[in-house]
């Protein structure tokens, strides 16, 4: 049952990462392109890292703090970097 949950998280994470990457490549301007990497790709990578944590926990390795740190770092830095890119793009358009 745990393997099913891990597989589901991996597939969900891969789908969100793919959608975020396609959105980054296909959307027309910088402001709409920011939604791909900051929303979908962050959620996708978060699901993949969560699946990695669950796999480590289920295989007897215990809770991995490294993956938890990666997830927290990603969820904190992605919105901040997107905000800075949007501010720079807004200033350059004037």
Protein backbone atom coordinates (compact mmCIF):
# COMPACT_ATOMS: atom_id res chain seq x y z
CA UNK A 1 0.00 0.00 0.00
CA UNK A 2 2.90 2.34 0.75
CA UNK A 3 4.41 1.59 -2.65
CA UNK A 4 1.15 2.66 -4.29
CA UNK A 5 1.26 6.01 -2.47
CA UNK A 6 4.91 6.53 -3.40
CA UNK A 7 4.17 5.67 -7.03
CA UNK A 8 1.23 8.05 -7.07
CA UNK A 9 3.37 10.87 -5.66
CA UNK A 10 6.10 10.21 -8.23
CA UNK A 11 3.63 10.25 -11.12
CA UNK A 12 1.90 13.35 -9.79
CA UNK A 13 5.22 15.11 -9.26
CA UNK A 14 6.45 14.22 -12.73
CA UNK A 15 3.19 15.42 -14.31
CA UNK A 16 3.33 18.77 -12.49
CA UNK A 17 7.01 19.24 -13.34
CA UNK A 18 6.27 18.52 -17.00
CA UNK A 19 3.32 20.92 -17.05
CA UNK A 20 5.38 23.64 -15.41
CA UNK A 21 8.18 23.19 -17.92
CA UNK A 22 5.78 23.29 -20.86
CA UNK A 23 4.18 26.42 -19.41
CA UNK A 24 7.58 28.05 -19.11
CA UNK A 25 8.34 27.35 -22.75
CA UNK A 26 4.93 28.13 -24.27
CA UNK A 27 3.46 31.10 -22.40
CA UNK A 28 3.80 34.47 -24.16
CA UNK A 29 5.35 36.95 -21.69
CA UNK A 30 7.52 36.97 -18.60
CA UNK A 31 4.69 37.53 -16.14
CA UNK A 32 2.68 34.51 -17.29
CA UNK A 33 5.85 32.43 -17.65
CA UNK A 34 6.53 32.87 -13.96
CA UNK A 35 3.51 30.73 -13.08
CA UNK A 36 5.04 27.59 -14.60
CA UNK A 37 8.16 27.27 -12.48
CA UNK A 38 6.77 28.82 -9.33
CA UNK A 39 3.45 27.02 -9.08
CA UNK A 40 3.43 23.74 -10.98
CA UNK A 41 7.10 22.85 -10.93
CA UNK A 42 7.47 23.65 -7.23
CA UNK A 43 4.50 21.40 -6.47
CA UNK A 44 5.94 18.69 -8.73
CA UNK A 45 9.38 18.72 -7.15
CA UNK A 46 7.76 18.85 -3.71
CA UNK A 47 5.76 15.72 -4.51
CA UNK A 48 8.89 13.95 -5.79
CA UNK A 49 10.88 14.82 -2.68
CA UNK A 50 7.96 13.75 -0.48
CA UNK A 51 7.90 10.42 -2.33
CA UNK A 52 11.62 10.10 -1.66
CA UNK A 53 11.04 10.76 2.04
CA UNK A 54 8.28 8.14 2.20
CA UNK A 55 10.47 5.59 0.39
CA UNK A 56 13.31 6.21 2.82
CA UNK A 57 10.94 5.89 5.76
CA UNK A 58 9.30 2.70 4.47
CA UNK A 59 12.59 0.99 3.66
CA UNK A 60 13.74 1.32 7.26
CA UNK A 61 16.15 4.21 6.78
CA UNK A 62 14.19 6.52 9.04
CA UNK A 63 13.01 10.04 8.34
CA UNK A 64 15.50 11.85 6.15
CA UNK A 65 16.02 15.42 7.27
CA UNK A 66 17.92 16.21 4.08
CA UNK A 67 14.81 15.80 1.93
CA UNK A 68 12.77 17.80 4.42
CA UNK A 69 15.34 20.59 4.23
CA UNK A 70 15.27 20.51 0.43
CA UNK A 71 11.48 20.79 0.42
CA UNK A 72 11.46 23.69 2.87
CA UNK A 73 14.22 25.49 0.96
CA UNK A 74 12.35 25.04 -2.32
CA UNK A 75 9.03 26.26 -0.95
CA UNK A 76 10.68 29.33 0.59
CA UNK A 77 12.97 30.36 -2.27
CA UNK A 78 10.72 29.78 -5.31
CA UNK A 79 8.15 32.50 -4.51
CA UNK A 80 10.87 34.95 -3.47
CA UNK A 81 12.83 34.46 -6.67
CA UNK A 82 9.66 34.75 -8.77
CA UNK A 83 8.79 37.99 -7.00
CA UNK A 84 12.24 39.41 -7.71
CA UNK A 85 12.07 38.40 -11.37
CA UNK A 86 8.64 40.02 -11.69
CA UNK A 87 9.88 43.23 -10.07
CA UNK A 88 12.87 43.36 -12.41
CA UNK A 89 10.65 42.74 -15.44
CA UNK A 90 8.22 45.44 -14.35
CA UNK A 91 11.03 47.95 -13.93
CA UNK A 92 12.56 47.14 -17.30
CA UNK A 93 9.24 47.69 -19.13
CA UNK A 94 9.05 51.33 -18.01
